[in-house]
Amino acid sequence: MRFSEPDRFDPTRPDNQHVGFGSGIHLCFGTPLARNQAEAALGALVPHLGTARLVEDPPPYRQNAMLRGPRHLPIRL
């Protein structure tokens, strides 16, 4: 068994590896459903959160020529 408690959601577990939807012939069959569920959940949640503000403005960017974007993007609600 890969995880000691596989039925418990724990984003801080130390052996957490990326679990993506795959790609190409190995694309997860449930990908469209998961994306629709995420869109619906966020669409229902966001209007109730108020105004989001960046904790660090501007956020720290990655030092990587291949990927452009913030290292992390903490926000305050």
N, C-alpha and C. Protein backbone atom coordinates (compact mmCIF):
# COMPACT_ATOMS: atom_id res chain seq x y z
N MET A 1 0.85 -1.17 0.00
CA MET A 1 0.00 0.00 0.00
C MET A 1 0.90 1.24 0.00
N ARG A 2 0.59 2.21 -0.85
CA ARG A 2 1.43 3.39 -1.00
C ARG A 2 1.36 4.32 0.20
N PHE A 3 0.17 4.57 0.73
CA PHE A 3 -0.01 5.46 1.87
C PHE A 3 -0.53 4.67 3.07
N SER A 4 -0.13 5.09 4.27
CA SER A 4 -0.59 4.38 5.46
C SER A 4 -2.09 4.55 5.68
N GLU A 5 -2.65 5.70 5.32
CA GLU A 5 -4.09 5.95 5.45
C GLU A 5 -4.59 6.54 4.13
N PRO A 6 -4.77 5.71 3.10
CA PRO A 6 -5.10 6.22 1.78
C PRO A 6 -6.46 6.90 1.68
N ASP A 7 -7.39 6.62 2.59
CA ASP A 7 -8.72 7.23 2.53
C ASP A 7 -8.80 8.57 3.25
N ARG A 8 -7.71 9.00 3.87
CA ARG A 8 -7.70 10.27 4.61
C ARG A 8 -6.96 11.31 3.79
N PHE A 9 -7.61 12.47 3.55
CA PHE A 9 -6.98 13.57 2.82
C PHE A 9 -5.99 14.26 3.75
N ASP A 10 -4.73 14.28 3.35
CA ASP A 10 -3.69 14.94 4.15
C ASP A 10 -2.67 15.56 3.20
N PRO A 11 -2.85 16.85 2.84
CA PRO A 11 -1.92 17.49 1.90
C PRO A 11 -0.52 17.68 2.48
N THR A 12 -0.34 17.47 3.79
CA THR A 12 0.98 17.65 4.40
C THR A 12 1.74 16.34 4.57
N ARG A 13 1.19 15.24 4.08
CA ARG A 13 1.87 13.95 4.26
C ARG A 13 3.26 14.03 3.61
N PRO A 14 4.27 13.49 4.29
CA PRO A 14 5.65 13.66 3.82
C PRO A 14 5.97 12.94 2.51
N ASP A 15 5.30 11.86 2.20
CA ASP A 15 5.60 11.12 0.97
C ASP A 15 4.64 11.47 -0.15
N ASN A 16 4.11 12.69 -0.13
CA ASN A 16 3.13 13.13 -1.12
C ASN A 16 3.82 13.39 -2.45
N GLN A 17 3.43 12.69 -3.47
CA GLN A 17 3.93 12.93 -4.82
C GLN A 17 2.78 13.44 -5.66
N HIS A 18 3.12 14.14 -6.72
CA HIS A 18 2.10 14.72 -7.58
C HIS A 18 1.20 13.61 -8.14
N VAL A 19 -0.09 13.82 -8.05
CA VAL A 19 -1.05 12.88 -8.61
C VAL A 19 -1.85 13.65 -9.65
N GLY A 20 -1.39 13.61 -10.88
CA GLY A 20 -2.04 14.34 -11.95
C GLY A 20 -3.06 13.48 -12.67
N PHE A 21 -3.63 14.04 -13.71
CA PHE A 21 -4.62 13.31 -14.51
C PHE A 21 -3.97 12.55 -15.66
N GLY A 22 -2.65 12.62 -15.77
CA GLY A 22 -1.97 11.94 -16.86
C GLY A 22 -2.13 12.71 -18.16
N SER A 23 -1.77 12.08 -19.27
CA SER A 23 -1.91 12.73 -20.58
C SER A 23 -1.93 11.67 -21.67
N GLY A 24 -2.37 12.09 -22.83
CA GLY A 24 -2.41 11.19 -23.97
C GLY A 24 -3.26 9.97 -23.72
N ILE A 25 -2.73 8.82 -24.10
CA ILE A 25 -3.47 7.57 -23.95
C ILE A 25 -3.70 7.23 -22.47
N HIS A 26 -2.91 7.82 -21.59
CA HIS A 26 -3.02 7.55 -20.16
C HIS A 26 -3.83 8.61 -19.42
N LEU A 27 -4.55 9.45 -20.15
CA LEU A 27 -5.38 10.48 -19.53
C LEU A 27 -6.49 9.84 -18.71
N CYS A 28 -6.65 10.31 -17.51
CA CYS A 28 -7.68 9.77 -16.61
C CYS A 28 -9.07 9.97 -17.22
N PHE A 29 -9.87 8.93 -17.19
CA PHE A 29 -11.23 8.97 -17.74
C PHE A 29 -12.10 10.01 -17.02
N GLY A 30 -11.82 10.26 -15.75
CA GLY A 30 -12.62 11.19 -14.96
C GLY A 30 -12.17 12.64 -15.02
N THR A 31 -11.16 12.96 -15.83
CA THR A 31 -10.63 14.33 -15.90
C THR A 31 -11.70 15.37 -16.20
N PRO A 32 -12.52 15.22 -17.24
CA PRO A 32 -13.54 16.25 -17.51
C PRO A 32 -14.52 16.43 -16.35
N LEU A 33 -14.92 15.34 -15.71
CA LEU A 33 -15.83 15.44 -14.58
C LEU A 33 -15.17 16.19 -13.42
N ALA A 34 -13.92 15.86 -13.11
CA ALA A 34 -13.20 16.53 -12.02
C ALA A 34 -13.05 18.02 -12.31
N ARG A 35 -12.76 18.38 -13.54
CA ARG A 35 -12.61 19.80 -13.89
C ARG A 35 -13.95 20.53 -13.78
N ASN A 36 -15.02 19.90 -14.21
CA ASN A 36 -16.35 20.52 -14.07
C ASN A 36 -16.73 20.68 -12.61
N GLN A 37 -16.42 19.69 -11.79
CA GLN A 37 -16.73 19.78 -10.36
C GLN A 37 -15.92 20.90 -9.70
N ALA A 38 -14.65 21.01 -10.06
CA ALA A 38 -13.81 22.08 -9.50
C ALA A 38 -14.33 23.44 -9.92
N GLU A 39 -14.72 23.58 -11.17
CA GLU A 39 -15.26 24.86 -11.65
C GLU A 39 -16.55 25.21 -10.92
N ALA A 40 -17.43 24.25 -10.74
CA ALA A 40 -18.69 24.50 -10.03
C ALA A 40 -18.45 24.86 -8.57
N ALA A 41 -17.55 24.13 -7.92
CA ALA A 41 -17.26 24.39 -6.50
C ALA A 41 -16.63 25.76 -6.32
N LEU A 42 -15.65 26.10 -7.13
CA LEU A 42 -15.02 27.41 -7.01
C LEU A 42 -15.98 28.52 -7.38
N GLY A 43 -16.82 28.29 -8.38
CA GLY A 43 -17.81 29.29 -8.77
C GLY A 43 -18.81 29.57 -7.66
N ALA A 44 -19.13 28.57 -6.86
CA ALA A 44 -20.05 28.76 -5.74
C ALA A 44 -19.35 29.35 -4.52
N LEU A 45 -18.07 29.05 -4.34
CA LEU A 45 -17.34 29.48 -3.16
C LEU A 45 -16.80 30.91 -3.27
N VAL A 46 -16.24 31.26 -4.39
CA VAL A 46 -15.55 32.54 -4.55
C VAL A 46 -16.42 33.76 -4.25
N PRO A 47 -17.68 33.82 -4.67
CA PRO A 47 -18.48 35.01 -4.35
C PRO A 47 -18.65 35.27 -2.85
N HIS A 48 -18.44 34.26 -2.02
CA HIS A 48 -18.63 34.40 -0.58
C HIS A 48 -17.33 34.71 0.17
N LEU A 49 -16.22 34.79 -0.53
CA LEU A 49 -14.93 34.97 0.13
C LEU A 49 -14.57 36.42 0.39
N GLY A 50 -15.16 37.34 -0.31
CA GLY A 50 -14.76 38.74 -0.15
C GLY A 50 -13.60 39.06 -1.06
N THR A 51 -12.88 40.11 -0.73
CA THR A 51 -11.78 40.56 -1.57
C THR A 51 -10.49 39.85 -1.20
N ALA A 52 -9.84 39.30 -2.19
CA ALA A 52 -8.55 38.63 -1.98
C ALA A 52 -7.43 39.64 -2.24
N ARG A 53 -6.42 39.62 -1.38
CA ARG A 53 -5.27 40.51 -1.53
C ARG A 53 -4.00 39.68 -1.46
N LEU A 54 -3.00 40.07 -2.24
CA LEU A 54 -1.71 39.40 -2.17
C LEU A 54 -1.05 39.69 -0.84
N VAL A 55 -0.47 38.69 -0.23
CA VAL A 55 0.28 38.89 1.01
C VAL A 55 1.61 39.56 0.70
N GLU A 56 2.25 39.15 -0.39
CA GLU A 56 3.50 39.76 -0.85
C GLU A 56 3.26 40.36 -2.22
N ASP A 57 3.46 41.65 -2.35
CA ASP A 57 3.21 42.32 -3.63
C ASP A 57 4.46 43.05 -4.07
N PRO A 58 5.12 42.63 -5.12
CA PRO A 58 4.82 41.48 -5.96
C PRO A 58 5.29 40.18 -5.31
N PRO A 59 4.69 39.07 -5.71
CA PRO A 59 5.11 37.78 -5.13
C PRO A 59 6.50 37.41 -5.63
N PRO A 60 7.23 36.58 -4.89
CA PRO A 60 8.56 36.16 -5.34
C PRO A 60 8.45 35.23 -6.55
N TYR A 61 9.23 35.54 -7.58
CA TYR A 61 9.20 34.75 -8.81
C TYR A 61 10.28 33.68 -8.82
N ARG A 62 10.04 32.65 -9.59
CA ARG A 62 11.00 31.55 -9.75
C ARG A 62 12.22 32.06 -10.51
N GLN A 63 13.35 31.53 -10.18
CA GLN A 63 14.58 31.82 -10.91
C GLN A 63 14.81 30.67 -11.89
N ASN A 64 13.99 30.64 -12.94
CA ASN A 64 14.02 29.52 -13.87
C ASN A 64 13.70 30.05 -15.26
N ALA A 65 14.57 29.79 -16.23
CA ALA A 65 14.35 30.27 -17.59
C ALA A 65 13.23 29.52 -18.30
N MET A 66 12.89 28.31 -17.86
CA MET A 66 11.88 27.51 -18.53
C MET A 66 10.47 27.79 -18.03
N LEU A 67 10.33 28.10 -16.75
CA LEU A 67 9.02 28.33 -16.16
C LEU A 67 8.96 29.74 -15.60
N ARG A 68 7.99 30.52 -16.03
CA ARG A 68 7.82 31.87 -15.50
C ARG A 68 6.59 31.87 -14.62
N GLY A 69 6.73 32.39 -13.44
CA GLY A 69 5.61 32.48 -12.53
C GLY A 69 6.08 32.57 -11.11
N PRO A 70 5.17 32.87 -10.22
CA PRO A 70 5.56 32.99 -8.81
C PRO A 70 5.92 31.64 -8.20
N ARG A 71 6.84 31.66 -7.25
CA ARG A 71 7.18 30.44 -6.51
C ARG A 71 5.99 29.98 -5.69
N HIS A 72 5.29 30.92 -5.11
CA HIS A 72 4.06 30.66 -4.37
C HIS A 72 3.24 31.94 -4.43
N LEU A 73 1.97 31.86 -4.14
CA LEU A 73 1.09 33.01 -4.27
C LEU A 73 0.15 33.08 -3.07
N PRO A 74 0.68 33.45 -1.91
CA PRO A 74 -0.19 33.55 -0.73
C PRO A 74 -1.13 34.74 -0.84
N ILE A 75 -2.38 34.52 -0.47
CA ILE A 75 -3.38 35.59 -0.49
C ILE A 75 -4.06 35.68 0.87
N ARG A 76 -4.59 36.83 1.13
CA ARG A 76 -5.35 37.05 2.37
C ARG A 76 -6.78 37.36 1.97
N LEU A 77 -7.72 36.68 2.61
CA LEU A 77 -9.14 36.90 2.32
C LEU A 77 -9.76 37.76 3.38
